Amino acid sequence: MGLFGLSRRTLRSIWETNAEGQGIVRYQPSQIEAFIDDTAPLENMLFSGGMSDIRTRAIARAVECAYLQGYSVLILHCGNQGLERGLDTYLGPGYLCAVNRTVPIYDPFCGASNDEISSLILSSSDKVCRIGAAGRYYIEGITEFIKAKGINPYCRMYITCPYQALFDKINDAEASGKITPTVAQKIISQIMQGKSDQASIENYFSILSAQADLIMAKKSDYSRSVNLSIAMRNRQILSIDVQSSTNSLLISLLVSEAATILAQGQKLVLAIDGIQLSTNDTLKEFIKLSGRNYRVILSSDDVYSDFGGAESDFFSFAGKCSTIVLSRHSSAYSCQKFSDILGFYDKQEINTTYAQSSSYYGRWGFGDTQTTSINTKREYIVKPEEIQRMALDEVFIVDKLTGELSFTQIIS
């Protein structure tokens, strides 16, 4: 007989039933790349906790899968040079276009039409510098003026535009013969129609300059400037260092670029690493609506905390993920939320009760009786404290396409 008088067979049966209920497949030490299949239909993915280089490898593999399946890819991160190096090494030369303060070549307007430029500005303007519908005319007037002088518009021209002296500049261009009177009159008419939004437009570009100056292309770099549309045409994966989660206008502008690509019928994957989603409503809404022709990959030390307490948004996103890679987290509260995602099972437990008894068989006697029973209770498949105690190179992997929850140690 075994523990508490139960037979070894019964104890083994309880253990096997609990193990089957948990359903965790335990692999020998493995490479993280082996758990992301490029032939599987691409869905949302979530990589949270543990070592940053393991998350980088997971992102790189997921991005490769997206690329092979014909998706355009935009990656946003906050100063993660390790991610850029890891992607470049994994993907090989020529596939990644990385924009950062060392390579400041981003320009959202390069190659865009008048209407596309106006739409990008209006759709990305936030509550701080909300530009009304009339502002479109003002922006189109500036764009027409730039093009009328034979110049391809680039973003810094709107930042340095002499708004207060704009009419004088137009009149001077007409007087010097750079533009015709008809063109000058059209431009002035457009600017007058949108005059009420001039202050908001100036404010927009002032904020954008402060947030994007370190990564934005200068006039001398215009010939090699890049944005999502250009990267897509070149079949390159675009990585943008947005520097800080607080650069909400820059992030909104990049999300607006992504929306423009989608409106053209393209497929897109947006990979987001280490960005506080709670700081940007545009980004949160984009993530919330992911599906159909675009997918989202979230990666962070703690993806749950990035949602800023918006539990319904977090669980909604996790519910749409085909792959979740989960490692150690320092926050007990986050661990609990990830345990909720991994789910529950019916655990069998041995319950023993004791009772005193007395009897008389020729003389009085006293003794204890022991009763053993097997009870069932709901319990986390992976307890929060287990997640908190994991080694940094250990991961749980949820594969919803196969229905498998696995555990392994990651090797290089």
Protein backbone atom coordinates (compact mmCIF):
# COMPACT_ATOMS: atom_id res chain seq x y z
CA MET A 1 0.00 0.00 0.00
CA GLY A 2 1.14 3.56 -0.69
CA LEU A 3 0.50 6.95 0.77
CA PHE A 4 -2.49 7.14 3.17
CA GLY A 5 -3.28 3.51 2.53
CA LEU A 6 -3.89 3.97 -1.22
CA SER A 7 -2.41 1.43 -3.57
CA ARG A 8 0.48 2.36 -5.84
CA ARG A 9 -1.80 1.70 -8.81
CA THR A 10 -4.34 4.24 -7.50
CA LEU A 11 -1.65 6.83 -6.81
CA ARG A 12 -0.24 6.37 -10.31
CA SER A 13 -3.72 6.67 -11.78
CA ILE A 14 -4.26 9.97 -9.94
CA TRP A 15 -0.90 11.29 -11.14
CA GLU A 16 -1.58 10.24 -14.75
CA THR A 17 -5.07 11.74 -14.68
CA ASN A 18 -3.72 15.07 -13.41
CA ALA A 19 -0.91 15.09 -15.96
CA GLU A 20 -3.41 14.36 -18.72
CA GLY A 21 -5.68 17.11 -17.42
CA GLN A 22 -2.87 19.64 -17.51
CA GLY A 23 -1.97 18.54 -21.02
CA ILE A 24 1.56 19.97 -20.95
CA VAL A 25 3.89 18.39 -23.49
CA ARG A 26 7.44 18.56 -22.13
CA TYR A 27 10.16 18.69 -24.78
CA GLN A 28 13.89 18.22 -24.53
CA PRO A 29 15.87 21.51 -24.78
CA SER A 30 14.95 23.00 -28.16
CA GLN A 31 15.35 26.01 -30.43
CA ILE A 32 12.51 28.51 -30.23
CA GLU A 33 12.39 28.72 -34.02
CA ALA A 34 11.19 25.10 -34.19
CA PHE A 35 7.86 26.08 -32.63
CA ILE A 36 6.93 28.63 -35.33
CA ASP A 37 5.94 26.98 -38.60
CA ASP A 38 6.15 28.94 -41.85
CA THR A 39 3.57 26.65 -43.49
CA ALA A 40 0.89 27.31 -40.86
CA PRO A 41 -1.72 30.02 -41.49
CA LEU A 42 -0.40 33.27 -40.02
CA GLU A 43 -2.27 34.66 -37.04
CA ASN A 44 -1.53 37.06 -34.18
CA MET A 45 1.37 36.14 -31.89
CA LEU A 46 2.41 37.09 -28.35
CA PHE A 47 5.92 36.78 -26.87
CA SER A 48 6.25 37.87 -23.24
CA GLY A 49 8.85 37.68 -20.46
CA GLY A 50 12.16 35.90 -20.13
CA MET A 51 15.27 36.70 -22.15
CA SER A 52 15.17 39.44 -24.78
CA ASP A 53 17.35 37.49 -27.20
CA ILE A 54 14.88 34.57 -27.15
CA ARG A 55 12.05 36.99 -27.94
CA THR A 56 14.18 38.48 -30.71
CA ARG A 57 14.67 35.06 -32.25
CA ALA A 58 10.94 34.39 -32.01
CA ILE A 59 10.16 37.73 -33.71
CA ALA A 60 12.72 37.06 -36.43
CA ARG A 61 11.25 33.66 -37.18
CA ALA A 62 7.68 35.03 -37.17
CA VAL A 63 8.71 37.87 -39.48
CA GLU A 64 10.37 35.40 -41.82
CA CYS A 65 7.16 33.35 -41.91
CA ALA A 66 5.14 36.48 -42.70
CA TYR A 67 7.56 37.48 -45.46
CA LEU A 68 7.44 34.01 -47.03
CA GLN A 69 3.63 34.16 -47.01
CA GLY A 70 3.61 37.45 -48.90
CA TYR A 71 2.95 39.90 -46.06
CA SER A 72 4.49 43.35 -45.84
CA VAL A 73 6.12 43.79 -42.44
CA LEU A 74 6.48 46.86 -40.21
CA ILE A 75 8.38 46.56 -36.92
CA LEU A 76 8.16 49.25 -34.23
CA HIS A 77 10.46 49.27 -31.20
CA CYS A 78 11.99 51.61 -28.63
CA GLY A 79 15.77 51.68 -28.99
CA ASN A 80 16.18 47.90 -29.14
CA GLN A 81 19.44 47.67 -31.04
CA GLY A 82 19.69 43.99 -30.14
CA LEU A 83 16.47 43.39 -32.03
CA GLU A 84 17.81 45.17 -35.11
CA ARG A 85 21.05 43.18 -35.03
CA GLY A 86 19.21 39.94 -34.40
CA LEU A 87 16.82 40.53 -37.29
CA ASP A 88 19.61 41.50 -39.67
CA THR A 89 21.67 38.44 -38.74
CA TYR A 90 18.73 36.04 -38.99
CA LEU A 91 17.19 37.40 -42.19
CA GLY A 92 20.45 38.03 -44.03
CA PRO A 93 21.65 41.08 -45.97
CA GLY A 94 19.19 43.11 -47.99
CA TYR A 95 15.95 42.00 -46.36
CA LEU A 96 15.83 44.42 -43.42
CA CYS A 97 15.66 48.21 -43.68
CA ALA A 98 16.38 49.55 -40.18
CA VAL A 99 15.65 53.22 -39.43
CA ASN A 100 17.17 54.66 -36.26
CA ARG A 101 19.20 57.64 -35.06
CA THR A 102 22.29 56.22 -36.79
CA VAL A 103 20.38 55.74 -40.05
CA PRO A 104 17.84 58.63 -40.06
CA ILE A 105 16.11 58.09 -43.39
CA TYR A 106 12.40 57.98 -42.50
CA ASP A 107 10.05 60.20 -44.51
CA PRO A 108 6.32 59.43 -44.50
CA PHE A 109 5.58 61.66 -47.51
CA CYS A 110 8.22 60.40 -49.94
CA GLY A 111 6.50 59.22 -53.12
CA ALA A 112 3.02 60.01 -51.76
CA SER A 113 0.29 61.83 -53.69
CA ASN A 114 -1.30 65.08 -52.49
CA ASP A 115 -4.32 63.20 -51.18
CA GLU A 116 -2.18 60.57 -49.45
CA ILE A 117 -0.12 63.22 -47.66
CA SER A 118 -3.25 65.02 -46.44
CA SER A 119 -4.88 61.76 -45.35
CA LEU A 120 -1.80 60.65 -43.39
CA ILE A 121 -1.68 63.95 -41.52
CA LEU A 122 -5.39 64.12 -40.71
CA SER A 123 -5.73 60.48 -39.69
CA SER A 124 -2.70 60.63 -37.37
CA SER A 125 -3.50 63.94 -35.69
CA ASP A 126 -4.53 63.29 -32.11
CA LYS A 127 -6.45 65.21 -29.48
CA VAL A 128 -3.45 67.46 -28.76
CA CYS A 129 -3.36 68.75 -32.31
CA ARG A 130 -6.62 67.60 -33.84
CA ILE A 131 -6.88 68.92 -37.39
CA GLY A 132 -10.38 69.47 -38.72
CA ALA A 133 -11.68 68.49 -42.15
CA ALA A 134 -10.96 71.99 -43.53
CA GLY A 135 -7.30 71.47 -42.73
CA ARG A 136 -7.06 69.17 -45.73
CA TYR A 137 -7.35 72.18 -48.06
CA TYR A 138 -4.56 74.01 -46.23
CA ILE A 139 -2.24 70.98 -46.41
CA GLU A 140 -3.03 70.39 -50.08
CA GLY A 141 -2.29 74.04 -50.77
CA ILE A 142 1.19 73.69 -49.25
CA THR A 143 1.78 70.47 -51.20
CA GLU A 144 0.67 72.12 -54.46
CA PHE A 145 3.00 75.05 -53.78
CA ILE A 146 5.97 72.75 -53.19
CA LYS A 147 5.28 70.70 -56.33
CA ALA A 148 4.57 73.80 -58.44
CA LYS A 149 8.18 74.82 -57.81
CA GLY A 150 9.39 71.47 -59.17
CA ILE A 151 10.24 69.95 -55.78
CA ASN A 152 9.18 66.53 -54.50
CA PRO A 153 7.66 67.15 -51.04
CA TYR A 154 9.47 65.76 -48.03
CA CYS A 155 8.38 65.97 -44.41
CA ARG A 156 10.94 68.50 -43.16
CA MET A 157 9.55 71.04 -45.66
CA TYR A 158 6.25 71.03 -43.77
CA ILE A 159 8.08 71.31 -40.46
CA THR A 160 10.10 74.35 -41.59
CA CYS A 161 7.29 75.91 -43.62
CA PRO A 162 7.01 79.70 -42.99
CA TYR A 163 3.30 79.53 -42.19
CA GLN A 164 2.94 83.16 -41.16
CA ALA A 165 4.60 84.38 -44.37
CA LEU A 166 3.11 81.78 -46.71
CA PHE A 167 1.07 84.22 -48.81
CA ASP A 168 4.16 86.40 -49.30
CA LYS A 169 6.13 83.35 -50.49
CA ILE A 170 3.40 82.46 -52.97
CA ASN A 171 3.27 86.02 -54.32
CA ASP A 172 7.06 86.13 -54.61
CA ALA A 173 7.04 82.82 -56.54
CA GLU A 174 4.40 84.23 -58.89
CA ALA A 175 6.29 87.49 -59.39
CA SER A 176 9.51 85.65 -60.21
CA GLY A 177 7.74 83.42 -62.72
CA LYS A 178 8.25 80.18 -60.75
CA ILE A 179 4.49 79.60 -60.73
CA THR A 180 1.72 80.94 -62.96
CA PRO A 181 -0.97 83.36 -61.73
CA THR A 182 -3.58 80.62 -62.18
CA VAL A 183 -1.62 78.19 -60.00
CA ALA A 184 -0.92 80.91 -57.42
CA GLN A 185 -4.62 81.75 -57.18
CA LYS A 186 -5.56 78.08 -56.77
CA ILE A 187 -3.01 77.61 -53.97
CA ILE A 188 -4.12 80.75 -52.14
CA SER A 189 -7.76 79.63 -52.43
CA GLN A 190 -6.92 76.23 -50.89
CA ILE A 191 -4.99 77.81 -48.04
CA MET A 192 -7.79 80.28 -47.34
CA GLN A 193 -10.33 77.43 -47.14
CA GLY A 194 -8.26 75.69 -44.50
CA LYS A 195 -7.02 78.79 -42.68
CA SER A 196 -9.03 77.95 -39.56
CA ASP A 197 -6.84 74.89 -38.99
CA GLN A 198 -3.49 76.62 -39.52
CA ALA A 199 -2.61 76.68 -35.81
CA SER A 200 -3.39 72.97 -35.43
CA ILE A 201 -1.27 72.13 -38.49
CA GLU A 202 1.65 74.17 -37.16
CA ASN A 203 1.30 72.43 -33.80
CA TYR A 204 1.16 69.02 -35.51
CA PHE A 205 4.47 69.52 -37.25
CA SER A 206 6.08 71.08 -34.20
CA ILE A 207 5.23 67.97 -32.16
CA LEU A 208 6.24 65.64 -35.00
CA SER A 209 9.59 67.40 -35.28
CA ALA A 210 10.26 66.92 -31.58
CA GLN A 211 9.34 63.23 -31.70
CA ALA A 212 10.81 62.18 -35.04
CA ASP A 213 13.76 64.51 -35.60
CA LEU A 214 16.39 61.88 -34.78
CA ILE A 215 15.11 59.38 -37.34
CA MET A 216 13.72 61.66 -40.05
CA ALA A 217 15.53 62.08 -43.36
CA LYS A 218 17.22 65.39 -44.08
CA LYS A 219 17.22 67.04 -47.49
CA SER A 220 20.62 65.52 -48.28
CA ASP A 221 19.24 62.02 -47.61
CA TYR A 222 16.03 62.41 -49.61
CA SER A 223 17.21 60.10 -52.39
CA ARG A 224 17.43 57.17 -49.98
CA SER A 225 14.54 58.05 -47.67
CA VAL A 226 12.09 55.29 -46.85
CA ASN A 227 8.60 54.69 -45.55
CA LEU A 228 6.32 51.68 -45.45
CA SER A 229 5.15 52.06 -49.06
CA ILE A 230 8.71 52.26 -50.36
CA ALA A 231 9.85 49.30 -48.26
CA MET A 232 6.89 47.29 -49.53
CA ARG A 233 7.76 48.03 -53.15
CA ASN A 234 11.38 47.02 -52.47
CA ARG A 235 10.21 43.81 -50.74
CA GLN A 236 12.01 44.86 -47.58
CA ILE A 237 11.03 44.47 -43.94
CA LEU A 238 10.89 47.93 -42.35
CA SER A 239 12.06 48.42 -38.76
CA ILE A 240 11.51 51.81 -37.11
CA ASP A 241 13.02 52.89 -33.79
CA VAL A 242 10.29 55.15 -32.38
CA GLN A 243 12.63 55.79 -29.39
CA SER A 244 9.90 56.11 -26.76
CA SER A 245 6.34 54.96 -26.15
CA THR A 246 5.48 58.61 -25.41
CA ASN A 247 6.13 59.57 -29.04
CA SER A 248 2.45 59.02 -29.72
CA LEU A 249 2.13 61.25 -32.79
CA LEU A 250 5.03 59.49 -34.55
CA ILE A 251 3.51 56.10 -33.70
CA SER A 252 0.07 57.24 -34.91
CA LEU A 253 1.61 58.39 -38.19
CA LEU A 254 3.22 54.98 -38.72
CA VAL A 255 -0.06 53.23 -37.93
CA SER A 256 -1.77 55.52 -40.47
CA GLU A 257 0.80 54.41 -43.05
CA ALA A 258 -0.10 50.82 -42.27
CA ALA A 259 -3.81 51.60 -42.70
CA THR A 260 -3.06 53.17 -46.09
CA ILE A 261 -1.29 49.99 -47.20
CA LEU A 262 -4.24 47.90 -46.08
CA ALA A 263 -6.68 50.15 -47.94
CA GLN A 264 -4.76 49.28 -51.11
CA GLY A 265 -5.56 45.60 -50.58
CA GLN A 266 -2.14 44.57 -49.27
CA LYS A 267 -1.45 42.08 -46.46
CA LEU A 268 0.47 43.38 -43.46
CA VAL A 269 2.10 42.23 -40.24
CA LEU A 270 2.79 44.83 -37.55
CA ALA A 271 5.36 43.67 -34.99
CA ILE A 272 5.54 45.76 -31.82
CA ASP A 273 8.35 45.35 -29.30
CA GLY A 274 8.48 47.01 -25.90
CA ILE A 275 5.92 49.76 -26.54
CA GLN A 276 3.42 50.82 -23.87
CA LEU A 277 0.16 50.35 -25.76
CA SER A 278 -1.76 52.36 -23.19
CA THR A 279 -0.09 55.58 -24.41
CA ASN A 280 -1.62 55.50 -27.88
CA ASP A 281 -5.32 55.08 -28.69
CA THR A 282 -4.66 54.76 -32.43
CA LEU A 283 -2.28 51.86 -31.88
CA LYS A 284 -4.61 50.17 -29.39
CA GLU A 285 -7.51 50.38 -31.83
CA PHE A 286 -5.38 48.98 -34.64
CA ILE A 287 -4.39 46.02 -32.46
CA LYS A 288 -7.97 45.47 -31.34
CA LEU A 289 -9.20 45.18 -34.94
CA SER A 290 -6.41 42.90 -36.14
CA GLY A 291 -7.52 40.06 -38.37
CA ARG A 292 -8.38 39.36 -41.99
CA ASN A 293 -5.61 40.98 -44.03
CA TYR A 294 -3.33 42.04 -41.18
CA ARG A 295 -1.79 40.44 -38.14
CA VAL A 296 -0.10 41.80 -35.02
CA ILE A 297 2.90 40.43 -33.11
CA LEU A 298 3.39 41.76 -29.58
CA SER A 299 6.69 41.28 -27.75
CA SER A 300 7.81 42.68 -24.40
CA ASP A 301 9.20 41.97 -20.95
CA ASP A 302 5.57 42.04 -19.86
CA VAL A 303 2.91 42.35 -22.54
CA TYR A 304 0.11 42.41 -19.97
CA SER A 305 1.50 45.54 -18.29
CA ASP A 306 1.89 47.19 -21.71
CA PHE A 307 -1.92 47.20 -21.99
CA GLY A 308 -1.99 49.49 -18.93
CA GLY A 309 -4.70 47.62 -17.07
CA ALA A 310 -7.06 47.28 -20.04
CA GLU A 311 -7.78 43.64 -19.24
CA SER A 312 -10.53 43.16 -21.79
CA ASP A 313 -8.21 44.35 -24.59
CA PHE A 314 -5.41 42.11 -23.35
CA PHE A 315 -7.56 38.98 -23.14
CA SER A 316 -9.22 39.79 -26.46
CA PHE A 317 -5.84 40.00 -28.18
CA ALA A 318 -4.52 36.84 -26.50
CA GLY A 319 -7.67 35.04 -27.59
CA LYS A 320 -6.86 35.83 -31.24
CA CYS A 321 -3.25 34.60 -31.01
CA SER A 322 -2.26 31.34 -32.66
CA THR A 323 1.07 31.32 -30.82
CA ILE A 324 1.90 32.50 -27.30
CA VAL A 325 5.45 32.18 -25.96
CA LEU A 326 5.53 32.80 -22.23
CA SER A 327 8.53 32.96 -19.89
CA ARG A 328 9.35 34.35 -16.47
CA HIS A 329 7.72 37.56 -15.24
CA SER A 330 8.60 39.52 -12.13
CA SER A 331 5.07 40.83 -11.52
CA ALA A 332 2.89 38.42 -9.56
CA TYR A 333 -0.19 40.15 -10.93
CA SER A 334 0.92 39.65 -14.53
CA CYS A 335 1.73 36.03 -13.75
CA GLN A 336 -1.82 35.55 -12.58
CA LYS A 337 -3.21 36.98 -15.83
CA PHE A 338 -1.02 34.69 -17.92
CA SER A 339 -2.11 31.75 -15.78
CA ASP A 340 -5.69 32.74 -16.61
CA ILE A 341 -4.80 32.58 -20.31
CA LEU A 342 -3.26 29.11 -19.98
CA GLY A 343 -6.45 27.97 -18.33
CA PHE A 344 -7.64 25.50 -15.71
CA TYR A 345 -8.10 21.78 -15.29
CA ASP A 346 -9.86 19.43 -12.89
CA LYS A 347 -7.20 18.24 -10.46
CA GLN A 348 -7.68 15.13 -8.38
CA GLU A 349 -6.47 15.45 -4.79
CA ILE A 350 -6.21 12.98 -1.93
CA ASN A 351 -8.27 14.10 1.06
CA THR A 352 -7.70 12.41 4.40
CA THR A 353 -9.86 12.89 7.50
CA TYR A 354 -9.28 11.64 11.03
CA ALA A 355 -11.78 10.88 13.83
CA GLN A 356 -11.46 9.60 17.36
CA SER A 357 -13.53 6.63 18.46
CA SER A 358 -14.08 4.61 21.64
CA SER A 359 -15.23 1.03 22.18
CA TYR A 360 -15.70 -1.59 24.88
CA TYR A 361 -14.63 -5.17 24.27
CA GLY A 362 -14.12 -6.43 27.73
CA ARG A 363 -12.63 -3.07 28.65
CA TRP A 364 -12.79 0.50 27.38
CA GLY A 365 -10.50 1.48 24.53
CA PHE A 366 -9.85 4.57 22.43
CA GLY A 367 -8.48 4.92 18.89
CA ASP A 368 -8.29 7.01 15.73
CA THR A 369 -9.97 6.21 12.44
CA GLN A 370 -8.66 7.46 9.09
CA THR A 371 -10.79 8.01 6.00
CA THR A 372 -9.21 8.67 2.61
CA SER A 373 -11.10 10.04 -0.38
CA ILE A 374 -10.28 11.53 -3.76
CA ASN A 375 -11.69 14.98 -4.47
CA THR A 376 -11.66 17.07 -7.64
CA LYS A 377 -11.07 20.82 -7.76
CA ARG A 378 -10.41 23.44 -10.43
CA GLU A 379 -6.80 24.56 -10.56
CA TYR A 380 -4.51 26.55 -12.84
CA ILE A 381 -2.79 24.44 -15.48
CA VAL A 382 0.27 26.56 -14.71
CA LYS A 383 0.18 28.38 -11.39
CA PRO A 384 1.25 32.05 -11.21
CA GLU A 385 4.11 31.18 -8.85
CA GLU A 386 5.40 28.65 -11.38
CA ILE A 387 5.63 31.38 -14.01
CA GLN A 388 7.38 33.68 -11.53
CA ARG A 389 9.95 30.99 -10.66
CA MET A 390 10.80 29.96 -14.24
CA ALA A 391 14.36 30.18 -15.48
CA LEU A 392 14.87 32.96 -18.02
CA ASP A 393 15.50 30.43 -20.80
CA GLU A 394 12.43 28.31 -20.04
CA VAL A 395 9.19 28.85 -21.94
CA PHE A 396 5.63 27.68 -22.14
CA ILE A 397 4.33 27.69 -25.71
CA VAL A 398 0.67 27.75 -26.65
CA ASP A 399 -0.04 26.55 -30.19
CA LYS A 400 -3.74 27.02 -30.79
CA LEU A 401 -3.55 25.56 -34.29
CA THR A 402 -2.54 22.17 -32.88
CA GLY A 403 -4.12 22.66 -29.46
CA GLU A 404 -0.79 21.95 -27.75
CA LEU A 405 0.65 23.53 -24.61
CA SER A 406 4.33 22.70 -24.38
CA PHE A 407 7.24 23.43 -22.09
CA THR A 408 10.93 23.47 -22.92
CA GLN A 409 14.28 25.07 -22.27
CA ILE A 410 15.54 27.18 -25.16
CA ILE A 411 18.98 26.51 -26.59
CA SER A 412 20.95 28.60 -29.06
